[in-house]
Structures are given as C-alpha cells and as structure tokens.
Amino acid sequence: MRNYTTIVERCTESGLFVGVIPGFQGAHTQGETMDELHQNLQEVVEMLLEDGEPVLETEFIGTQIIVVA
C-alpha cells in the first residue's frame, strides 16, 4: 500500500475539484465532488503504476500562509 499527498483546488470557471499529486508526472484529474475526485485519482494512479514505481520529481512538504498588508 502506498500513500500520495494530493493538492486539491476548485476551478472557478467550471466548479470542478481538481487534484494533482506533486512530482508524480501525469497524476492529475478532476471531479464534480470530492468523492468523485478521490476515485478518479485512485484510478489514475493505479493506471500510472502499471508502468512501474514512479521516480517522484518533487516531494510535498506543506503549505504556508502569506500575509500581505
């Protein structure tokens, strides 16, 4: 079992949830709900892993809040 961190945003134009796994080339998708997005991401990752374990290009560390006055 493998765990991957996903960044999720909502597209302001379509209202769809968009998910991407940082550093995992090709690991991105969208869905109308968070559940649909989760399922779609699982399917994408399973498909990509058929080609073997990926070499991640980056590692997700965290987020920061920037305050601008």
N, C-alpha and C. Protein backbone atom coordinates (compact mmCIF):
# COMPACT_ATOMS: atom_id res chain seq x y z
N MET A 1 0.85 -1.18 0.00
CA MET A 1 0.00 0.00 0.00
C MET A 1 0.90 1.24 0.00
N ARG A 2 0.57 2.17 -0.88
CA ARG A 2 1.34 3.42 -0.99
C ARG A 2 0.42 4.60 -0.69
N ASN A 3 1.01 5.66 -0.16
CA ASN A 3 0.28 6.89 0.12
C ASN A 3 0.89 8.02 -0.69
N TYR A 4 0.04 8.83 -1.27
CA TYR A 4 0.49 10.00 -2.02
C TYR A 4 -0.30 11.22 -1.54
N THR A 5 0.39 12.33 -1.38
CA THR A 5 -0.26 13.58 -0.98
C THR A 5 -0.83 14.26 -2.22
N THR A 6 -2.06 14.71 -2.11
CA THR A 6 -2.75 15.35 -3.23
C THR A 6 -3.06 16.80 -2.90
N ILE A 7 -2.86 17.67 -3.84
CA ILE A 7 -3.28 19.07 -3.71
C ILE A 7 -4.60 19.20 -4.44
N VAL A 8 -5.60 19.77 -3.77
CA VAL A 8 -6.94 19.90 -4.34
C VAL A 8 -7.31 21.38 -4.41
N GLU A 9 -7.80 21.78 -5.56
CA GLU A 9 -8.30 23.13 -5.77
C GLU A 9 -9.66 23.03 -6.46
N ARG A 10 -10.41 24.12 -6.45
CA ARG A 10 -11.67 24.17 -7.18
C ARG A 10 -11.52 25.17 -8.32
N CYS A 11 -11.85 24.74 -9.52
CA CYS A 11 -11.78 25.60 -10.69
C CYS A 11 -12.92 26.63 -10.61
N THR A 12 -12.58 27.90 -10.68
CA THR A 12 -13.61 28.94 -10.57
C THR A 12 -14.52 28.99 -11.80
N GLU A 13 -14.04 28.53 -12.94
CA GLU A 13 -14.85 28.56 -14.15
C GLU A 13 -15.83 27.40 -14.22
N SER A 14 -15.36 26.20 -13.91
CA SER A 14 -16.21 25.01 -14.06
C SER A 14 -16.83 24.54 -12.75
N GLY A 15 -16.25 24.96 -11.62
CA GLY A 15 -16.72 24.50 -10.32
C GLY A 15 -16.23 23.10 -9.97
N LEU A 16 -15.43 22.49 -10.86
CA LEU A 16 -14.92 21.15 -10.61
C LEU A 16 -13.76 21.17 -9.61
N PHE A 17 -13.65 20.09 -8.85
CA PHE A 17 -12.49 19.90 -7.98
C PHE A 17 -11.36 19.34 -8.85
N VAL A 18 -10.17 19.89 -8.69
CA VAL A 18 -9.01 19.48 -9.47
C VAL A 18 -7.95 18.98 -8.50
N GLY A 19 -7.43 17.78 -8.75
CA GLY A 19 -6.43 17.21 -7.88
C GLY A 19 -5.16 16.88 -8.64
N VAL A 20 -4.02 17.10 -8.00
CA VAL A 20 -2.72 16.79 -8.57
C VAL A 20 -1.82 16.24 -7.47
N ILE A 21 -1.02 15.27 -7.82
CA ILE A 21 -0.03 14.73 -6.89
C ILE A 21 1.30 15.36 -7.26
N PRO A 22 1.85 16.21 -6.40
CA PRO A 22 3.09 16.92 -6.72
C PRO A 22 4.22 15.94 -7.06
N GLY A 23 4.90 16.23 -8.16
CA GLY A 23 6.07 15.47 -8.55
C GLY A 23 5.78 14.17 -9.27
N PHE A 24 4.53 13.73 -9.33
CA PHE A 24 4.16 12.47 -9.97
C PHE A 24 3.60 12.82 -11.34
N GLN A 25 4.45 12.74 -12.36
CA GLN A 25 4.07 13.17 -13.70
C GLN A 25 2.83 12.41 -14.18
N GLY A 26 1.82 13.16 -14.62
CA GLY A 26 0.59 12.58 -15.16
C GLY A 26 -0.48 12.30 -14.12
N ALA A 27 -0.16 12.47 -12.84
CA ALA A 27 -1.12 12.16 -11.76
C ALA A 27 -1.95 13.40 -11.43
N HIS A 28 -2.96 13.62 -12.26
CA HIS A 28 -3.89 14.73 -12.05
C HIS A 28 -5.22 14.38 -12.69
N THR A 29 -6.29 14.92 -12.13
CA THR A 29 -7.62 14.67 -12.67
C THR A 29 -8.59 15.66 -12.04
N GLN A 30 -9.87 15.48 -12.30
CA GLN A 30 -10.90 16.36 -11.75
C GLN A 30 -12.15 15.55 -11.44
N GLY A 31 -13.07 16.17 -10.69
CA GLY A 31 -14.33 15.53 -10.37
C GLY A 31 -15.35 16.56 -9.91
N GLU A 32 -16.62 16.21 -10.02
CA GLU A 32 -17.68 17.12 -9.60
C GLU A 32 -17.80 17.19 -8.08
N THR A 33 -17.40 16.13 -7.38
CA THR A 33 -17.43 16.09 -5.92
C THR A 33 -16.06 15.63 -5.42
N MET A 34 -15.81 15.82 -4.14
CA MET A 34 -14.55 15.34 -3.56
C MET A 34 -14.46 13.83 -3.66
N ASP A 35 -15.57 13.13 -3.47
CA ASP A 35 -15.57 11.67 -3.59
C ASP A 35 -15.22 11.24 -5.01
N GLU A 36 -15.82 11.90 -5.99
CA GLU A 36 -15.52 11.57 -7.38
C GLU A 36 -14.06 11.86 -7.70
N LEU A 37 -13.55 12.98 -7.21
CA LEU A 37 -12.14 13.32 -7.43
C LEU A 37 -11.25 12.24 -6.83
N HIS A 38 -11.55 11.82 -5.61
CA HIS A 38 -10.76 10.80 -4.93
C HIS A 38 -10.73 9.50 -5.76
N GLN A 39 -11.90 9.08 -6.22
CA GLN A 39 -11.99 7.85 -7.02
C GLN A 39 -11.21 8.00 -8.32
N ASN A 40 -11.36 9.15 -8.97
CA ASN A 40 -10.65 9.39 -10.23
C ASN A 40 -9.13 9.38 -10.03
N LEU A 41 -8.66 9.99 -8.93
CA LEU A 41 -7.23 9.99 -8.65
C LEU A 41 -6.71 8.59 -8.39
N GLN A 42 -7.47 7.78 -7.67
CA GLN A 42 -7.06 6.40 -7.43
C GLN A 42 -6.90 5.65 -8.76
N GLU A 43 -7.85 5.84 -9.65
CA GLU A 43 -7.80 5.17 -10.95
C GLU A 43 -6.58 5.63 -11.76
N VAL A 44 -6.31 6.93 -11.75
CA VAL A 44 -5.18 7.47 -12.49
C VAL A 44 -3.87 6.90 -11.94
N VAL A 45 -3.73 6.90 -10.62
CA VAL A 45 -2.50 6.40 -10.01
C VAL A 45 -2.33 4.90 -10.30
N GLU A 46 -3.39 4.13 -10.16
CA GLU A 46 -3.30 2.70 -10.46
C GLU A 46 -2.86 2.48 -11.91
N MET A 47 -3.40 3.26 -12.83
CA MET A 47 -3.02 3.14 -14.23
C MET A 47 -1.54 3.49 -14.42
N LEU A 48 -1.10 4.60 -13.81
CA LEU A 48 0.29 5.02 -13.95
C LEU A 48 1.26 4.02 -13.33
N LEU A 49 0.85 3.38 -12.23
CA LEU A 49 1.72 2.41 -11.57
C LEU A 49 1.89 1.13 -12.38
N GLU A 50 1.02 0.90 -13.37
CA GLU A 50 1.19 -0.27 -14.24
C GLU A 50 2.51 -0.21 -14.99
N ASP A 51 3.04 1.01 -15.18
CA ASP A 51 4.33 1.19 -15.86
C ASP A 51 5.50 1.09 -14.89
N GLY A 52 5.23 0.81 -13.62
CA GLY A 52 6.28 0.70 -12.61
C GLY A 52 6.22 1.84 -11.61
N GLU A 53 6.98 1.70 -10.55
CA GLU A 53 7.03 2.71 -9.48
C GLU A 53 7.62 4.00 -10.03
N PRO A 54 6.94 5.14 -9.81
CA PRO A 54 7.45 6.41 -10.35
C PRO A 54 8.64 6.93 -9.54
N VAL A 55 9.48 7.67 -10.22
CA VAL A 55 10.52 8.44 -9.54
C VAL A 55 9.92 9.82 -9.37
N LEU A 56 9.57 10.18 -8.13
CA LEU A 56 8.92 11.47 -7.90
C LEU A 56 9.90 12.61 -8.15
N GLU A 57 9.44 13.62 -8.89
CA GLU A 57 10.28 14.75 -9.25
C GLU A 57 10.41 15.76 -8.11
N THR A 58 9.42 15.80 -7.23
CA THR A 58 9.45 16.69 -6.07
C THR A 58 8.82 15.96 -4.90
N GLU A 59 8.97 16.54 -3.71
CA GLU A 59 8.37 15.99 -2.50
C GLU A 59 7.50 17.06 -1.85
N PHE A 60 6.23 16.74 -1.58
CA PHE A 60 5.34 17.70 -0.92
C PHE A 60 5.80 17.88 0.52
N ILE A 61 5.99 19.13 0.92
CA ILE A 61 6.45 19.45 2.27
C ILE A 61 5.33 20.03 3.11
N GLY A 62 4.56 20.94 2.56
CA GLY A 62 3.48 21.56 3.33
C GLY A 62 2.99 22.82 2.66
N THR A 63 2.25 23.59 3.41
CA THR A 63 1.71 24.85 2.90
C THR A 63 2.11 25.98 3.84
N GLN A 64 2.02 27.18 3.37
CA GLN A 64 2.28 28.38 4.17
C GLN A 64 1.20 29.41 3.88
N ILE A 65 0.92 30.21 4.88
CA ILE A 65 0.02 31.35 4.70
C ILE A 65 0.87 32.60 4.64
N ILE A 66 0.67 33.37 3.59
CA ILE A 66 1.42 34.62 3.40
C ILE A 66 0.46 35.77 3.63
N VAL A 67 0.82 36.69 4.52
CA VAL A 67 0.01 37.86 4.81
C VAL A 67 0.66 39.06 4.15
N VAL A 68 -0.12 39.78 3.35
CA VAL A 68 0.38 40.98 2.67
C VAL A 68 -0.48 42.14 3.11
N ALA A 69 0.16 43.17 3.62
CA ALA A 69 -0.56 44.34 4.12
C ALA A 69 -0.85 45.33 3.03
